[in-house]
Amino acid sequence: MTRDALDSTDLTLLELLQQDARRTHAELGREVHLSPPAVAQRLKRLERQEVVRGYRAIVDLEAVGLGVTVFVQITLSLHGAEPIESFRDFVRQVPEVLECHNVSGDFDYLLKVVAQDIAAYEALVRSTLSRAPGVARIQSLFVLKTSKDGGPLPLPRPA
């Protein structure tokens, strides 16, 4: 789907939603000087164009028993289209894998993985990640402390 250019009102709405996605159309409208129906129409367009890809709660990992975060460097043995797609399909099915990025450098993929503890992560590596199609090497980097996690995107402003 093609995306229309974002104007300053769209960008302001996106900034406001990143701060608090539970704001009503009326509250958003007051900020951008639009009626609630006009705000709803803009948001529907942004959703349809997949500029806004969803709304979700940010859940504290430790509060739900996920005390270990690991960045996992994966090197694949084969780099053809089929092995790469098989690997991607595989990791999409693993709930503990929060992110999967194809990267440049000494390894092929960087995963962000969460687990209850180190023993649970070890079990995940042995039972799941090491069995992913085409995996030649796995290297784990354990997060000791997170200083910043996520946050709003630094949106550009139209000239």
Protein backbone atom coordinates (compact mmCIF):
# COMPACT_ATOMS: atom_id res chain seq x y z
CA MET A 1 0.00 0.00 0.00
CA THR A 2 1.33 3.44 -0.84
CA ARG A 3 1.75 5.93 1.93
CA ASP A 4 0.66 9.52 1.64
CA ALA A 5 3.15 12.13 2.78
CA LEU A 6 2.79 12.92 6.46
CA ASP A 7 1.91 16.51 7.26
CA SER A 8 2.66 18.35 10.49
CA THR A 9 -0.74 17.37 11.97
CA ASP A 10 -0.08 13.69 11.27
CA LEU A 11 3.35 13.96 12.92
CA THR A 12 1.91 15.74 15.96
CA LEU A 13 -0.76 13.04 16.31
CA LEU A 14 1.96 10.37 16.11
CA GLU A 15 4.00 12.13 18.81
CA LEU A 16 0.94 12.37 21.07
CA LEU A 17 0.03 8.70 20.52
CA GLN A 18 3.58 7.62 21.33
CA GLN A 19 3.30 9.46 24.65
CA ASP A 20 -0.11 7.99 25.50
CA ALA A 21 -2.06 5.87 23.01
CA ARG A 22 -5.11 5.85 25.30
CA ARG A 23 -5.95 9.49 24.62
CA THR A 24 -9.43 9.99 23.22
CA HIS A 25 -10.11 11.49 19.82
CA ALA A 26 -11.47 14.56 21.62
CA GLU A 27 -8.25 15.00 23.63
CA LEU A 28 -6.11 14.56 20.53
CA GLY A 29 -8.34 16.95 18.61
CA ARG A 30 -7.85 19.70 21.19
CA GLU A 31 -4.07 19.37 20.75
CA VAL A 32 -4.13 19.51 16.93
CA HIS A 33 -7.19 21.77 16.52
CA LEU A 34 -9.37 19.16 14.79
CA SER A 35 -12.78 17.72 15.58
CA PRO A 36 -12.91 14.19 17.04
CA PRO A 37 -14.32 12.77 13.76
CA ALA A 38 -11.47 14.41 11.80
CA VAL A 39 -8.93 12.89 14.21
CA ALA A 40 -10.59 9.48 13.84
CA GLN A 41 -10.43 9.79 10.05
CA ARG A 42 -6.72 10.66 10.13
CA LEU A 43 -5.93 7.81 12.51
CA LYS A 44 -7.83 5.32 10.33
CA ARG A 45 -5.78 6.49 7.33
CA LEU A 46 -2.52 6.14 9.29
CA GLU A 47 -3.58 2.64 10.38
CA ARG A 48 -4.65 1.65 6.86
CA GLN A 49 -1.28 2.83 5.51
CA GLU A 50 0.45 0.90 8.34
CA VAL A 51 2.15 4.02 9.67
CA VAL A 52 0.43 3.11 12.95
CA ARG A 53 0.90 -0.66 13.19
CA GLY A 54 -0.88 -1.27 16.48
CA TYR A 55 -1.50 -0.21 20.05
CA ARG A 56 -0.14 -2.18 22.99
CA ALA A 57 0.67 -2.02 26.67
CA ILE A 58 4.28 -1.87 27.81
CA VAL A 59 4.60 -4.67 30.38
CA ASP A 60 7.41 -4.79 32.93
CA LEU A 61 9.43 -7.94 32.18
CA GLU A 62 10.45 -8.66 35.77
CA ALA A 63 6.88 -8.19 37.02
CA VAL A 64 5.81 -11.12 34.83
CA GLY A 65 8.78 -13.32 35.71
CA LEU A 66 11.03 -12.63 32.71
CA GLY A 67 14.21 -11.62 34.52
CA VAL A 68 16.77 -12.36 31.80
CA THR A 69 17.21 -10.48 28.53
CA VAL A 70 19.75 -11.77 26.04
CA PHE A 71 20.99 -10.44 22.72
CA VAL A 72 21.78 -13.47 20.61
CA GLN A 73 24.15 -13.34 17.66
CA ILE A 74 23.28 -15.98 15.07
CA THR A 75 25.52 -17.05 12.20
CA LEU A 76 23.90 -19.11 9.45
CA SER A 77 25.69 -21.87 7.57
CA LEU A 78 23.92 -21.14 4.26
CA HIS A 79 22.94 -17.77 2.85
CA GLY A 80 20.57 -18.62 0.00
CA ALA A 81 17.02 -17.29 -0.14
CA GLU A 82 15.41 -20.54 1.04
CA PRO A 83 17.61 -21.14 4.14
CA ILE A 84 17.25 -17.50 5.18
CA GLU A 85 13.45 -17.58 4.84
CA SER A 86 13.31 -20.90 6.74
CA PHE A 87 15.29 -19.35 9.60
CA ARG A 88 13.08 -16.24 9.66
CA ASP A 89 9.90 -18.32 9.64
CA PHE A 90 11.28 -20.44 12.48
CA VAL A 91 12.16 -17.54 14.81
CA ARG A 92 8.80 -15.85 14.17
CA GLN A 93 7.23 -18.86 15.91
CA VAL A 94 9.39 -18.60 19.07
CA PRO A 95 7.55 -16.40 21.61
CA GLU A 96 10.70 -15.70 23.64
CA VAL A 97 12.26 -14.00 20.60
CA LEU A 98 11.02 -10.42 20.83
CA GLU A 99 13.07 -9.04 17.94
CA CYS A 100 14.98 -10.49 14.99
CA HIS A 101 17.25 -8.28 12.89
CA ASN A 102 19.32 -9.19 9.82
CA VAL A 103 22.57 -7.28 10.36
CA SER A 104 25.90 -6.62 8.69
CA GLY A 105 29.17 -7.66 10.31
CA ASP A 106 30.57 -10.84 11.82
CA PHE A 107 27.19 -12.56 12.27
CA ASP A 108 23.94 -12.66 10.31
CA TYR A 109 21.13 -12.07 12.81
CA LEU A 110 20.73 -10.32 16.13
CA LEU A 111 17.86 -11.56 18.28
CA LYS A 112 16.45 -10.05 21.45
CA VAL A 113 15.32 -12.91 23.67
CA VAL A 114 13.71 -12.99 27.11
CA ALA A 115 13.55 -15.85 29.61
CA GLN A 116 12.65 -16.47 33.24
CA ASP A 117 16.25 -17.12 34.23
CA ILE A 118 19.56 -18.40 32.88
CA ALA A 119 18.46 -22.03 33.16
CA ALA A 120 15.35 -21.30 31.09
CA TYR A 121 17.47 -19.49 28.50
CA GLU A 122 19.89 -22.43 28.33
CA ALA A 123 16.95 -24.79 27.80
CA LEU A 124 15.63 -22.52 25.03
CA VAL A 125 19.01 -22.57 23.28
CA ARG A 126 19.34 -26.34 23.54
CA SER A 127 15.77 -27.26 22.64
CA THR A 128 14.87 -24.53 20.18
CA LEU A 129 17.40 -21.98 18.94
CA SER A 130 20.15 -24.51 18.20
CA ARG A 131 17.63 -26.48 16.11
CA ALA A 132 16.64 -23.52 13.96
CA PRO A 133 17.24 -24.18 10.25
CA GLY A 134 20.75 -23.33 9.10
CA VAL A 135 22.19 -22.17 12.42
CA ALA A 136 25.97 -22.61 12.47
CA ARG A 137 26.85 -20.53 15.53
CA ILE A 138 25.10 -18.94 18.51
CA GLN A 139 26.70 -16.34 20.75
CA SER A 140 24.84 -14.92 23.75
CA LEU A 141 25.23 -11.46 25.30
CA PHE A 142 23.43 -11.20 28.65
CA VAL A 143 21.98 -7.82 29.57
CA LEU A 144 23.26 -6.71 32.97
CA LYS A 145 21.25 -3.48 33.19
CA THR A 146 18.99 -1.65 30.76
CA SER A 147 19.44 2.13 30.77
CA LYS A 148 16.94 2.84 27.99
CA ASP A 149 14.34 0.58 26.44
CA GLY A 150 12.23 1.69 23.53
CA GLY A 151 10.75 5.12 23.71
CA PRO A 152 9.11 7.37 21.19
CA LEU A 153 10.54 7.62 17.68
CA PRO A 154 12.29 10.90 16.90
CA LEU A 155 9.86 11.99 14.20
CA PRO A 156 11.04 14.37 11.47
CA ARG A 157 9.33 17.69 10.98
CA PRO A 158 8.29 18.86 7.52
CA ALA A 159 10.32 21.76 6.17
